[in-house]
PDB file of all heavy atoms in Angstrom:
ATOM      1  N   LEU A   1       1.237  -3.974  -5.060  1.00  0.00           N
ATOM      2  CA  LEU A   1       1.920  -2.992  -5.971  1.00  0.00           C
ATOM      3  C   LEU A   1       0.984  -2.163  -6.626  1.00  0.00           C
ATOM      4  O   LEU A   1       1.248  -0.934  -6.812  1.00  0.00           O
ATOM      5  CB  LEU A   1       2.769  -3.830  -6.949  1.00  0.00           C
ATOM      6  CG  LEU A   1       4.089  -4.486  -6.477  1.00  0.00           C
ATOM      7  CD1 LEU A   1       4.683  -5.256  -7.616  1.00  0.00           C
ATOM      8  CD2 LEU A   1       5.027  -3.376  -5.926  1.00  0.00           C
ATOM      9  N   GLN A   2      -0.140  -2.710  -7.124  1.00  0.00           N
ATOM     10  CA  GLN A   2      -1.179  -1.845  -7.857  1.00  0.00           C
ATOM     11  C   GLN A   2      -1.731  -0.721  -6.930  1.00  0.00           C
ATOM     12  O   GLN A   2      -1.843   0.375  -7.323  1.00  0.00           O
ATOM     13  CB  GLN A   2      -2.276  -2.787  -8.355  1.00  0.00           C
ATOM     14  CG  GLN A   2      -3.379  -2.051  -9.197  1.00  0.00           C
ATOM     15  CD  GLN A   2      -4.539  -2.890  -9.570  1.00  0.00           C
ATOM     16  OE1 GLN A   2      -4.617  -4.040  -9.188  1.00  0.00           O
ATOM     17  NE2 GLN A   2      -5.540  -2.352 -10.170  1.00  0.00           N
ATOM     18  N   MET A   3      -1.973  -1.147  -5.725  1.00  0.00           N
ATOM     19  CA  MET A   3      -2.545  -0.135  -4.738  1.00  0.00           C
ATOM     20  C   MET A   3      -1.467   0.977  -4.535  1.00  0.00           C
ATOM     21  O   MET A   3      -1.815   2.146  -4.505  1.00  0.00           O
ATOM     22  CB  MET A   3      -2.855  -0.833  -3.431  1.00  0.00           C
ATOM     23  CG  MET A   3      -4.087  -1.687  -3.479  1.00  0.00           C
ATOM     24  SD  MET A   3      -4.437  -2.423  -1.853  1.00  0.00           S
ATOM     25  CE  MET A   3      -6.086  -3.063  -2.123  1.00  0.00           C
ATOM     26  N   ARG A   4      -0.242   0.565  -4.258  1.00  0.00           N
ATOM     27  CA  ARG A   4       0.827   1.517  -3.931  1.00  0.00           C
ATOM     28  C   ARG A   4       0.967   2.497  -5.143  1.00  0.00           C
ATOM     29  O   ARG A   4       1.072   3.698  -5.016  1.00  0.00           O
ATOM     30  CB  ARG A   4       2.124   0.827  -3.697  1.00  0.00           C
ATOM     31  CG  ARG A   4       3.211   1.677  -3.209  1.00  0.00           C
ATOM     32  CD  ARG A   4       4.421   0.823  -2.739  1.00  0.00           C
ATOM     33  NE  ARG A   4       5.382   1.702  -2.146  1.00  0.00           N
ATOM     34  CZ  ARG A   4       6.351   2.324  -2.751  1.00  0.00           C
ATOM     35  NH1 ARG A   4       6.430   2.269  -4.020  1.00  0.00           N
ATOM     36  NH2 ARG A   4       7.245   3.137  -2.040  1.00  0.00           N
ATOM     37  N   ASP A   5       1.027   1.960  -6.406  1.00  0.00           N
ATOM     38  CA  ASP A   5       1.232   2.824  -7.531  1.00  0.00           C
ATOM     39  C   ASP A   5       0.007   3.732  -7.850  1.00  0.00           C
ATOM     40  O   ASP A   5       0.197   4.890  -8.159  1.00  0.00           O
ATOM     41  CB  ASP A   5       1.444   1.919  -8.758  1.00  0.00           C
ATOM     42  CG  ASP A   5       2.803   1.113  -8.709  1.00  0.00           C
ATOM     43  OD1 ASP A   5       3.620   1.548  -7.889  1.00  0.00           O
ATOM     44  OD2 ASP A   5       2.964   0.192  -9.446  1.00  0.00           O
ATOM     45  N   THR A   6      -1.172   3.198  -7.609  1.00  0.00           N
ATOM     46  CA  THR A   6      -2.424   3.928  -7.802  1.00  0.00           C
ATOM     47  C   THR A   6      -2.468   5.144  -6.868  1.00  0.00           C
ATOM     48  O   THR A   6      -2.869   6.259  -7.275  1.00  0.00           O
ATOM     49  CB  THR A   6      -3.655   3.094  -7.695  1.00  0.00           C
ATOM     50  OG1 THR A   6      -3.647   1.990  -8.621  1.00  0.00           O
ATOM     51  CG2 THR A   6      -4.891   3.874  -7.913  1.00  0.00           C
ATOM     52  N   VAL A   7      -2.236   4.883  -5.594  1.00  0.00           N
ATOM     53  CA  VAL A   7      -2.177   5.958  -4.616  1.00  0.00           C
ATOM     54  C   VAL A   7      -1.239   6.997  -4.904  1.00  0.00           C
ATOM     55  O   VAL A   7      -1.493   8.209  -4.855  1.00  0.00           O
ATOM     56  CB  VAL A   7      -2.096   5.372  -3.165  1.00  0.00           C
ATOM     57  CG1 VAL A   7      -1.900   6.475  -2.161  1.00  0.00           C
ATOM     58  CG2 VAL A   7      -3.279   4.545  -2.778  1.00  0.00           C
ATOM     59  N   ALA A   8       0.054   6.573  -5.245  1.00  0.00           N
ATOM     60  CA  ALA A   8       1.087   7.547  -5.609  1.00  0.00           C
ATOM     61  C   ALA A   8       0.700   8.345  -6.756  1.00  0.00           C
ATOM     62  O   ALA A   8       0.983   9.593  -6.822  1.00  0.00           O
ATOM     63  CB  ALA A   8       2.407   6.774  -5.844  1.00  0.00           C
ATOM     64  N   LYS A   9       0.113   7.758  -7.827  1.00  0.00           N
ATOM     65  CA  LYS A   9      -0.256   8.474  -9.084  1.00  0.00           C
ATOM     66  C   LYS A   9      -1.289   9.488  -8.868  1.00  0.00           C
ATOM     67  O   LYS A   9      -1.252  10.598  -9.303  1.00  0.00           O
ATOM     68  CB  LYS A   9      -0.674   7.407 -10.054  1.00  0.00           C
ATOM     69  CG  LYS A   9      -1.102   8.052 -11.413  1.00  0.00           C
ATOM     70  CD  LYS A   9      -1.560   7.031 -12.366  1.00  0.00           C
ATOM     71  CE  LYS A   9      -2.033   7.689 -13.737  1.00  0.00           C
ATOM     72  NZ  LYS A   9      -2.375   6.561 -14.708  1.00  0.00           N
ATOM     73  N   HIS A  10      -2.342   9.158  -8.022  1.00  0.00           N
ATOM     74  CA  HIS A  10      -3.431   9.968  -7.952  1.00  0.00           C
ATOM     75  C   HIS A  10      -3.381  10.957  -6.753  1.00  0.00           C
ATOM     76  O   HIS A  10      -4.222  11.937  -6.656  1.00  0.00           O
ATOM     77  CB  HIS A  10      -4.753   9.138  -7.794  1.00  0.00           C
ATOM     78  CG  HIS A  10      -5.126   8.453  -9.048  1.00  0.00           C
ATOM     79  ND1 HIS A  10      -5.738   9.072 -10.148  1.00  0.00           N
ATOM     80  CD2 HIS A  10      -4.904   7.126  -9.439  1.00  0.00           C
ATOM     81  CE1 HIS A  10      -5.905   8.214 -11.101  1.00  0.00           C
ATOM     82  NE2 HIS A  10      -5.393   7.023 -10.728  1.00  0.00           N
ATOM     83  N   THR A  11      -2.546  10.726  -5.721  1.00  0.00           N
ATOM     84  CA  THR A  11      -2.445  11.612  -4.632  1.00  0.00           C
ATOM     85  C   THR A  11      -1.047  12.161  -4.291  1.00  0.00           C
ATOM     86  O   THR A  11      -0.900  13.164  -3.715  1.00  0.00           O
ATOM     87  CB  THR A  11      -2.934  10.914  -3.319  1.00  0.00           C
ATOM     88  OG1 THR A  11      -1.973   9.885  -2.920  1.00  0.00           O
ATOM     89  CG2 THR A  11      -4.382  10.353  -3.491  1.00  0.00           C
ATOM     90  N   GLY A  12      -0.022  11.432  -4.819  1.00  0.00           N
ATOM     91  CA  GLY A  12       1.327  11.791  -4.451  1.00  0.00           C
ATOM     92  C   GLY A  12       1.823  11.285  -3.204  1.00  0.00           C
ATOM     93  O   GLY A  12       2.919  11.555  -2.821  1.00  0.00           O
ATOM     94  N   ILE A  13       0.993  10.538  -2.455  1.00  0.00           N
ATOM     95  CA  ILE A  13       1.322  10.081  -1.176  1.00  0.00           C
ATOM     96  C   ILE A  13       2.023   8.711  -1.272  1.00  0.00           C
ATOM     97  O   ILE A  13       1.317   7.770  -1.821  1.00  0.00           O
ATOM     98  CB  ILE A  13       0.162   9.964  -0.197  1.00  0.00           C
ATOM     99  CG1 ILE A  13      -0.511  11.372  -0.099  1.00  0.00           C
ATOM    100  CG2 ILE A  13       0.495   9.416   1.198  1.00  0.00           C
ATOM    101  CD1 ILE A  13       0.310  12.407   0.735  1.00  0.00           C
ATOM    102  N   PRO A  14       3.303   8.461  -0.756  1.00  0.00           N
ATOM    103  CA  PRO A  14       3.853   7.127  -0.765  1.00  0.00           C
ATOM    104  C   PRO A  14       3.186   6.277   0.398  1.00  0.00           C
ATOM    105  O   PRO A  14       3.074   6.772   1.475  1.00  0.00           O
ATOM    106  CB  PRO A  14       5.311   7.354  -0.484  1.00  0.00           C
ATOM    107  CG  PRO A  14       5.363   8.667   0.288  1.00  0.00           C
ATOM    108  CD  PRO A  14       4.136   9.488  -0.152  1.00  0.00           C
ATOM    109  N   ILE A  15       2.976   5.005   0.045  1.00  0.00           N
ATOM    110  CA  ILE A  15       2.406   4.073   1.103  1.00  0.00           C
ATOM    111  C   ILE A  15       3.245   2.783   1.101  1.00  0.00           C
ATOM    112  O   ILE A  15       3.832   2.433   0.040  1.00  0.00           O
ATOM    113  CB  ILE A  15       0.906   3.751   0.944  1.00  0.00           C
ATOM    114  CG1 ILE A  15       0.701   2.954  -0.345  1.00  0.00           C
ATOM    115  CG2 ILE A  15       0.085   5.099   0.836  1.00  0.00           C
ATOM    116  CD1 ILE A  15      -0.715   2.423  -0.483  1.00  0.00           C
ATOM    117  N   SER A  16       3.204   2.154   2.209  1.00  0.00           N
ATOM    118  CA  SER A  16       3.849   0.841   2.388  1.00  0.00           C
ATOM    119  C   SER A  16       2.768  -0.127   2.682  1.00  0.00           C
ATOM    120  O   SER A  16       1.734   0.195   3.350  1.00  0.00           O
ATOM    121  CB  SER A  16       4.945   0.853   3.436  1.00  0.00           C
ATOM    122  OG  SER A  16       5.950   1.713   3.076  1.00  0.00           O
ATOM    123  N   ILE A  17       2.851  -1.364   2.103  1.00  0.00           N
ATOM    124  CA  ILE A  17       1.839  -2.373   2.335  1.00  0.00           C
ATOM    125  C   ILE A  17       2.386  -3.627   2.901  1.00  0.00           C
ATOM    126  O   ILE A  17       3.348  -4.219   2.294  1.00  0.00           O
ATOM    127  CB  ILE A  17       0.983  -2.725   1.108  1.00  0.00           C
ATOM    128  CG1 ILE A  17       0.275  -1.365   0.647  1.00  0.00           C
ATOM    129  CG2 ILE A  17      -0.028  -3.802   1.287  1.00  0.00           C
ATOM    130  CD1 ILE A  17      -0.446  -1.518  -0.594  1.00  0.00           C
ATOM    131  N   GLY A  18       2.016  -4.073   4.093  1.00  0.00           N
ATOM    132  CA  GLY A  18       2.412  -5.350   4.676  1.00  0.00           C
ATOM    133  C   GLY A  18       1.279  -6.377   4.582  1.00  0.00           C
ATOM    134  O   GLY A  18       0.112  -6.040   4.862  1.00  0.00           O
ATOM    135  N   ILE A  19       1.573  -7.642   4.176  1.00  0.00           N
ATOM    136  CA  ILE A  19       0.587  -8.687   3.939  1.00  0.00           C
ATOM    137  C   ILE A  19       0.949  -9.831   4.625  1.00  0.00           C
ATOM    138  O   ILE A  19       2.092 -10.371   4.621  1.00  0.00           O
ATOM    139  CB  ILE A  19       0.493  -8.947   2.472  1.00  0.00           C
ATOM    140  CG1 ILE A  19       0.148  -7.658   1.617  1.00  0.00           C
ATOM    141  CG2 ILE A  19      -0.598  -9.988   2.207  1.00  0.00           C
ATOM    142  CD1 ILE A  19       0.329  -7.740   0.098  1.00  0.00           C
ATOM    143  N   ALA A  20       0.048 -10.428   5.499  1.00  0.00           N
ATOM    144  CA  ALA A  20       0.262 -11.557   6.273  1.00  0.00           C
ATOM    145  C   ALA A  20      -1.041 -12.287   6.598  1.00  0.00           C
ATOM    146  O   ALA A  20      -2.147 -11.809   6.180  1.00  0.00           O
ATOM    147  CB  ALA A  20       1.008 -11.246   7.540  1.00  0.00           C
ATOM    148  N   LYS A  21      -1.010 -13.269   7.432  1.00  0.00           N
ATOM    149  CA  LYS A  21      -2.225 -14.116   7.766  1.00  0.00           C
ATOM    150  C   LYS A  21      -3.190 -13.473   8.731  1.00  0.00           C
ATOM    151  O   LYS A  21      -4.351 -13.697   8.811  1.00  0.00           O
ATOM    152  CB  LYS A  21      -1.840 -15.456   8.179  1.00  0.00           C
ATOM    153  CG  LYS A  21      -1.235 -16.356   7.182  1.00  0.00           C
ATOM    154  CD  LYS A  21      -0.840 -17.729   7.659  1.00  0.00           C
ATOM    155  CE  LYS A  21      -0.179 -18.624   6.639  1.00  0.00           C
ATOM    156  NZ  LYS A  21       0.133 -19.965   7.184  1.00  0.00           N
ATOM    157  N   THR A  22      -2.586 -12.528   9.533  1.00  0.00           N
ATOM    158  CA  THR A  22      -3.313 -11.896  10.594  1.00  0.00           C
ATOM    159  C   THR A  22      -3.081 -10.428  10.660  1.00  0.00           C
ATOM    160  O   THR A  22      -2.038  -9.916  10.068  1.00  0.00           O
ATOM    161  CB  THR A  22      -3.074 -12.511  11.950  1.00  0.00           C
ATOM    162  OG1 THR A  22      -1.669 -12.126  12.394  1.00  0.00           O
ATOM    163  CG2 THR A  22      -3.160 -14.050  11.992  1.00  0.00           C
ATOM    164  N   LYS A  23      -3.865  -9.695  11.410  1.00  0.00           N
ATOM    165  CA  LYS A  23      -3.620  -8.261  11.496  1.00  0.00           C
ATOM    166  C   LYS A  23      -2.365  -7.942  12.187  1.00  0.00           C
ATOM    167  O   LYS A  23      -1.553  -7.034  11.817  1.00  0.00           O
ATOM    168  CB  LYS A  23      -4.752  -7.599  12.342  1.00  0.00           C
ATOM    169  CG  LYS A  23      -6.073  -7.224  11.572  1.00  0.00           C
ATOM    170  CD  LYS A  23      -6.988  -6.471  12.445  1.00  0.00           C
ATOM    171  CE  LYS A  23      -8.101  -5.784  11.649  1.00  0.00           C
ATOM    172  NZ  LYS A  23      -8.998  -5.009  12.514  1.00  0.00           N
ATOM    173  N   THR A  24      -2.038  -8.643  13.230  1.00  0.00           N
ATOM    174  CA  THR A  24      -0.788  -8.453  14.031  1.00  0.00           C
ATOM    175  C   THR A  24       0.438  -8.702  13.189  1.00  0.00           C
ATOM    176  O   THR A  24       1.432  -7.951  13.171  1.00  0.00           O
ATOM    177  CB  THR A  24      -0.784  -9.235  15.258  1.00  0.00           C
ATOM    178  OG1 THR A  24      -1.943  -8.960  16.046  1.00  0.00           O
ATOM    179  CG2 THR A  24       0.344  -8.918  16.163  1.00  0.00           C
ATOM    180  N   LEU A  25       0.344  -9.819  12.431  1.00  0.00           N
ATOM    181  CA  LEU A  25       1.480 -10.078  11.514  1.00  0.00           C
ATOM    182  C   LEU A  25       1.586  -9.170  10.261  1.00  0.00           C
ATOM    183  O   LEU A  25       2.659  -8.758   9.858  1.00  0.00           O
ATOM    184  CB  LEU A  25       1.407 -11.558  10.984  1.00  0.00           C
ATOM    185  CG  LEU A  25       1.795 -12.631  11.967  1.00  0.00           C
ATOM    186  CD1 LEU A  25       1.494 -14.036  11.396  1.00  0.00           C
ATOM    187  CD2 LEU A  25       3.243 -12.474  12.441  1.00  0.00           C
TER     188      LEU A  25
END
């Protein structure tokens, strides 16, 4: 959430973040 809000605040670009145990997941 912190990353998403920081990027949006400083660049205006919306991002999505997926988190799991492996790269593929």
